[in-house]
């Protein structure tokens, strides 16, 4: 118990819990709409684009987030437009863009800096090594994402459940779909340091699916997903510190256990 309490005295743990909690909350809230709209794998696709952008920024010795955020935001908007208007739909378009971006990032790293610690942290996650400046930027952007989600919650709810009816009643569905894509892109980039490109999509998918096993209304699913996401993140981070296991993998394991528990509760 003394070791457990002593853990919270470290500044890196305080930063990890604060920033990681905010990012987990953002991912869970957005994840409900993404799962219901069948866009759940967009997080995985954008994470690979983010890794490619971060790898190029690292090779050029420029600020990683300053490069990755606009690149991933533009990609998210283009992905949304192309999936609606192109002959290549949905998951196929995500697969093309994500694999291409990942390949470009790996090639760029291999011919410049090599797979150093910074690049590796974006691939596999390393939230405990979060710097103070990155923590402040991540916290500010996460709060902005949460505020926008709350502010436009009724519109996002409308375009999630019945986009055709929403358009017929005068709602600017394309605008709010774009907003959802932009908020997701920002959350994915912020989550790369925490979970890595290989695991970030789990933050979007698991809490939403777990909440849907035990809740029926949209509002209750959103609230349950937010609570589960924060709980699993905290348990995973603490387990990572106590057991000396990778933080990202520990958080995913906690989410997996929560999903199994919710499935059992849902059957009852």
Protein backbone atom coordinates (compact mmCIF):
# COMPACT_ATOMS: atom_id res chain seq x y z
CA UNK A 1 0.00 0.00 0.00
CA UNK A 2 2.85 2.40 0.78
CA UNK A 3 4.37 1.74 -2.62
CA UNK A 4 0.97 2.30 -4.23
CA UNK A 5 0.54 5.68 -2.53
CA UNK A 6 4.16 6.64 -3.21
CA UNK A 7 3.52 6.13 -6.92
CA UNK A 8 1.32 9.23 -7.04
CA UNK A 9 4.10 11.46 -5.70
CA UNK A 10 6.03 11.23 -8.98
CA UNK A 11 5.43 14.05 -11.43
CA UNK A 12 5.52 11.71 -14.44
CA UNK A 13 2.70 9.63 -12.92
CA UNK A 14 0.65 12.74 -12.19
CA UNK A 15 1.07 13.92 -15.79
CA UNK A 16 0.27 10.46 -17.16
CA UNK A 17 -2.92 10.09 -15.12
CA UNK A 18 -4.18 13.60 -15.89
CA UNK A 19 -3.45 13.66 -19.62
CA UNK A 20 -4.23 10.00 -20.17
CA UNK A 21 -7.54 10.34 -18.35
CA UNK A 22 -8.56 13.28 -20.55
CA UNK A 23 -7.56 11.47 -23.76
CA UNK A 24 -9.35 8.29 -22.67
CA UNK A 25 -12.47 10.33 -21.97
CA UNK A 26 -12.33 11.96 -25.42
CA UNK A 27 -11.81 8.61 -27.14
CA UNK A 28 -14.71 6.97 -25.32
CA UNK A 29 -17.18 9.77 -26.04
CA UNK A 30 -16.30 9.92 -29.72
CA UNK A 31 -16.11 6.15 -29.93
CA UNK A 32 -19.84 5.71 -29.29
CA UNK A 33 -20.74 7.73 -32.40
CA UNK A 34 -17.98 6.11 -34.47
CA UNK A 35 -19.05 2.57 -33.57
CA UNK A 36 -22.72 3.30 -34.28
CA UNK A 37 -21.84 4.90 -37.63
CA UNK A 38 -19.65 1.90 -38.59
CA UNK A 39 -16.54 4.10 -38.53
CA UNK A 40 -14.88 2.28 -35.64
CA UNK A 41 -11.73 1.42 -37.60
CA UNK A 42 -11.09 5.02 -38.56
CA UNK A 43 -9.06 5.36 -35.38
CA UNK A 44 -6.71 2.60 -36.50
CA UNK A 45 -6.32 4.18 -39.95
CA UNK A 46 -5.65 7.66 -38.57
CA UNK A 47 -3.16 6.30 -36.04
CA UNK A 48 -1.04 4.92 -38.89
CA UNK A 49 -1.24 8.27 -40.67
CA UNK A 50 -0.21 9.93 -37.41
CA UNK A 51 2.75 7.60 -37.04
CA UNK A 52 3.87 8.43 -40.58
CA UNK A 53 3.61 12.17 -39.88
CA UNK A 54 5.42 11.86 -36.54
CA UNK A 55 8.19 9.78 -38.11
CA UNK A 56 8.74 12.40 -40.82
CA UNK A 57 8.69 15.21 -38.23
CA UNK A 58 11.25 13.34 -36.13
CA UNK A 59 13.48 12.85 -39.17
CA UNK A 60 13.26 16.57 -40.01
CA UNK A 61 13.80 17.57 -36.35
CA UNK A 62 10.63 19.63 -36.11
CA UNK A 63 7.90 19.63 -33.44
CA UNK A 64 6.08 16.29 -33.87
CA UNK A 65 2.59 17.35 -32.76
CA UNK A 66 2.73 20.54 -34.81
CA UNK A 67 3.16 18.40 -37.92
CA UNK A 68 1.00 15.41 -37.03
CA UNK A 69 -2.18 17.20 -35.93
CA UNK A 70 -2.85 19.15 -39.16
CA UNK A 71 -1.81 16.17 -41.34
CA UNK A 72 -4.15 13.76 -39.54
CA UNK A 73 -7.01 16.29 -39.43
CA UNK A 74 -6.77 16.83 -43.21
CA UNK A 75 -6.58 13.06 -43.75
CA UNK A 76 -9.67 12.48 -41.60
CA UNK A 77 -11.69 15.01 -43.61
CA UNK A 78 -10.47 13.58 -46.92
CA UNK A 79 -11.19 10.05 -45.74
CA UNK A 80 -14.74 11.06 -44.88
CA UNK A 81 -15.27 12.74 -48.25
CA UNK A 82 -13.71 9.93 -50.27
CA UNK A 83 -15.63 7.19 -48.48
CA UNK A 84 -18.89 8.97 -49.31
CA UNK A 85 -18.16 9.87 -52.91
CA UNK A 86 -15.60 7.35 -54.15
CA UNK A 87 -16.11 3.88 -55.59
CA UNK A 88 -13.74 2.63 -52.88
CA UNK A 89 -15.80 2.55 -49.71
CA UNK A 90 -15.32 2.48 -45.96
CA UNK A 91 -12.87 -0.09 -44.65
CA UNK A 92 -11.09 -0.50 -47.99
CA UNK A 93 -10.27 3.22 -48.14
CA UNK A 94 -9.07 3.17 -44.52
CA UNK A 95 -6.83 0.17 -45.27
CA UNK A 96 -5.28 1.87 -48.31
CA UNK A 97 -4.52 5.13 -46.53
CA UNK A 98 -3.32 3.58 -43.26
CA UNK A 99 -0.98 1.02 -44.82
CA UNK A 100 0.45 3.62 -47.22
CA UNK A 101 1.10 6.13 -44.43
CA UNK A 102 2.68 3.49 -42.21
CA UNK A 103 4.96 2.37 -45.05
CA UNK A 104 6.04 5.96 -45.78
CA UNK A 105 6.80 6.53 -42.12
CA UNK A 106 8.88 3.35 -41.80
CA UNK A 107 10.85 4.15 -44.98
CA UNK A 108 11.49 7.71 -43.80
CA UNK A 109 12.75 6.49 -40.43
CA UNK A 110 14.94 3.76 -41.93
CA UNK A 111 16.80 6.14 -44.26
CA UNK A 112 17.26 8.96 -41.72
CA UNK A 113 17.36 8.58 -37.95
CA UNK A 114 16.62 4.87 -37.63
CA UNK A 115 14.16 3.40 -35.11
CA UNK A 116 15.12 5.55 -32.11
CA UNK A 117 13.38 5.73 -28.73
CA UNK A 118 11.11 8.63 -29.73
CA UNK A 119 9.82 6.91 -32.87
CA UNK A 120 9.40 3.63 -31.01
CA UNK A 121 7.26 5.35 -28.36
CA UNK A 122 4.83 6.48 -31.06
CA UNK A 123 4.58 2.93 -32.38
CA UNK A 124 4.08 1.13 -29.05
CA UNK A 125 3.18 3.94 -26.61
CA UNK A 126 5.07 5.40 -23.65
CA UNK A 127 2.82 7.67 -21.62
CA UNK A 128 5.07 7.57 -18.56
CA UNK A 129 7.75 9.44 -20.54
CA UNK A 130 5.41 12.34 -21.39
CA UNK A 131 7.22 15.68 -21.14
CA UNK A 132 5.74 18.70 -19.34
CA UNK A 133 5.27 20.70 -22.56
CA UNK A 134 3.59 17.78 -24.35
CA UNK A 135 1.38 17.21 -21.30
CA UNK A 136 0.19 20.83 -21.28
CA UNK A 137 -0.54 20.83 -25.01
CA UNK A 138 -2.32 17.48 -24.82
CA UNK A 139 -4.42 18.60 -21.84
CA UNK A 140 -5.47 21.85 -23.55
CA UNK A 141 -6.46 20.09 -26.78
CA UNK A 142 -8.29 17.33 -24.89
CA UNK A 143 -10.34 19.88 -22.95
CA UNK A 144 -11.15 21.64 -26.24
CA UNK A 145 -12.35 18.33 -27.74
CA UNK A 146 -14.54 17.64 -24.70
CA UNK A 147 -16.08 21.12 -24.78
CA UNK A 148 -16.89 20.86 -28.49
CA UNK A 149 -18.42 17.41 -27.99
CA UNK A 150 -20.65 18.67 -25.17
CA UNK A 151 -21.57 21.84 -27.07
CA UNK A 152 -22.62 19.98 -30.23
CA UNK A 153 -23.89 16.83 -28.50
CA UNK A 154 -27.50 17.12 -29.80
CA UNK A 155 -26.32 17.50 -33.42
CA UNK A 156 -23.81 14.66 -33.14
CA UNK A 157 -26.55 12.50 -31.64
CA UNK A 158 -28.83 13.33 -34.57
CA UNK A 159 -26.34 12.53 -37.34
CA UNK A 160 -25.28 9.35 -35.54
CA UNK A 161 -28.74 7.78 -35.38
CA UNK A 162 -30.51 9.00 -38.52
CA UNK A 163 -28.41 11.07 -40.87
CA UNK A 164 -31.06 11.08 -43.62
CA UNK A 165 -33.77 12.41 -41.31
CA UNK A 166 -31.36 14.98 -39.87
CA UNK A 167 -30.57 16.26 -43.36
CA UNK A 168 -34.29 16.43 -44.19
CA UNK A 169 -34.94 18.58 -41.12
CA UNK A 170 -32.26 21.08 -42.10
CA UNK A 171 -29.31 19.85 -40.05
CA UNK A 172 -25.98 20.42 -41.76
CA UNK A 173 -24.96 16.79 -41.58
CA UNK A 174 -21.75 17.19 -43.59
CA UNK A 175 -20.55 19.86 -41.16
CA UNK A 176 -21.14 17.70 -38.10
CA UNK A 177 -19.66 14.61 -39.74
CA UNK A 178 -16.58 16.70 -40.48
CA UNK A 179 -16.53 17.93 -36.88
CA UNK A 180 -16.65 14.32 -35.67
CA UNK A 181 -13.77 13.41 -37.99
CA UNK A 182 -11.66 16.39 -36.84
CA UNK A 183 -12.22 15.67 -33.13
CA UNK A 184 -11.34 12.02 -33.72
CA UNK A 185 -8.16 12.99 -35.57
CA UNK A 186 -6.99 15.24 -32.72
CA UNK A 187 -7.76 12.56 -30.13
CA UNK A 188 -5.89 9.89 -32.11
CA UNK A 189 -2.76 12.05 -32.44
CA UNK A 190 -2.79 12.87 -28.73
CA UNK A 191 -3.27 9.21 -27.89
CA UNK A 192 -0.30 8.02 -29.92
CA UNK A 193 2.16 8.81 -27.13
CA UNK A 194 -0.07 7.00 -24.64
CA UNK A 195 -1.11 3.88 -26.55
CA UNK A 196 1.01 3.83 -29.69
CA UNK A 197 -0.18 3.51 -33.27
CA UNK A 198 -0.85 -0.20 -32.83
CA UNK A 199 -3.21 0.09 -29.85
CA UNK A 200 -4.88 3.51 -29.97
CA UNK A 201 -8.02 2.22 -31.72
CA UNK A 202 -8.77 0.10 -28.64
CA UNK A 203 -9.49 3.28 -26.65
CA UNK A 204 -12.18 4.16 -29.17
CA UNK A 205 -13.76 0.74 -29.64
CA UNK A 206 -13.67 -1.09 -26.28
CA UNK A 207 -15.49 1.36 -23.96
CA UNK A 208 -18.30 1.92 -26.48
CA UNK A 209 -18.83 -1.80 -27.11
CA UNK A 210 -18.67 -2.57 -23.38
CA UNK A 211 -21.25 0.10 -22.56
CA UNK A 212 -23.58 -1.16 -25.31
CA UNK A 213 -23.71 -4.56 -23.64
CA UNK A 214 -25.34 -3.15 -20.48
CA UNK A 215 -27.05 0.12 -21.55
CA UNK A 216 -29.81 0.85 -24.04
CA UNK A 217 -30.13 4.63 -24.53
CA UNK A 218 -27.54 6.77 -26.30
CA UNK A 219 -26.99 9.00 -23.27
CA UNK A 220 -26.52 6.08 -20.88
CA UNK A 221 -24.09 4.41 -23.30
CA UNK A 222 -22.06 7.63 -23.56
CA UNK A 223 -21.88 8.07 -19.77
CA UNK A 224 -21.10 4.40 -19.15
CA UNK A 225 -18.40 4.38 -21.84
CA UNK A 226 -16.79 7.48 -20.30
CA UNK A 227 -16.76 5.92 -16.83
CA UNK A 228 -15.41 2.58 -18.05
CA UNK A 229 -12.71 4.28 -20.09
CA UNK A 230 -11.45 6.29 -17.11
CA UNK A 231 -11.58 3.24 -14.84
CA UNK A 232 -9.73 0.98 -17.27
CA UNK A 233 -7.12 3.62 -17.99
CA UNK A 234 -6.43 4.15 -14.29
CA UNK A 235 -6.27 0.42 -13.52
CA UNK A 236 -4.06 -0.24 -16.55
CA UNK A 237 -1.65 2.58 -15.71
CA UNK A 238 -1.38 1.53 -12.07
CA UNK A 239 -0.85 -2.11 -13.10
CA UNK A 240 1.82 -1.00 -15.55
CA UNK A 241 3.72 0.79 -12.80
CA UNK A 242 3.31 -1.93 -10.16
CA UNK A 243 4.03 -4.90 -12.46
CA UNK A 244 6.53 -3.17 -14.77
CA UNK A 245 4.51 -3.96 -17.89
CA UNK A 246 3.95 -1.75 -20.98
CA UNK A 247 1.37 0.94 -20.23
CA UNK A 248 -0.54 0.68 -23.51
CA UNK A 249 -0.86 -3.09 -23.37
CA UNK A 250 -1.93 -2.97 -19.71
CA UNK A 251 -4.70 -0.47 -20.52
CA UNK A 252 -5.95 -2.64 -23.38
CA UNK A 253 -5.94 -5.69 -21.08
CA UNK A 254 -8.03 -3.77 -18.54
CA UNK A 255 -10.48 -2.80 -21.29
CA UNK A 256 -10.68 -6.41 -22.46
CA UNK A 257 -11.54 -7.60 -18.94
CA UNK A 258 -14.17 -4.88 -18.65
CA UNK A 259 -15.68 -5.92 -21.98
CA UNK A 260 -15.90 -9.56 -20.89
CA UNK A 261 -17.50 -8.51 -17.59
CA UNK A 262 -20.05 -6.32 -19.39
CA UNK A 263 -20.92 -9.19 -21.74
CA UNK A 264 -21.65 -11.42 -18.75
CA UNK A 265 -23.71 -8.70 -17.05
CA UNK A 266 -25.60 -8.05 -20.28
CA UNK A 267 -26.62 -11.71 -20.54
CA UNK A 268 -28.05 -11.56 -17.03
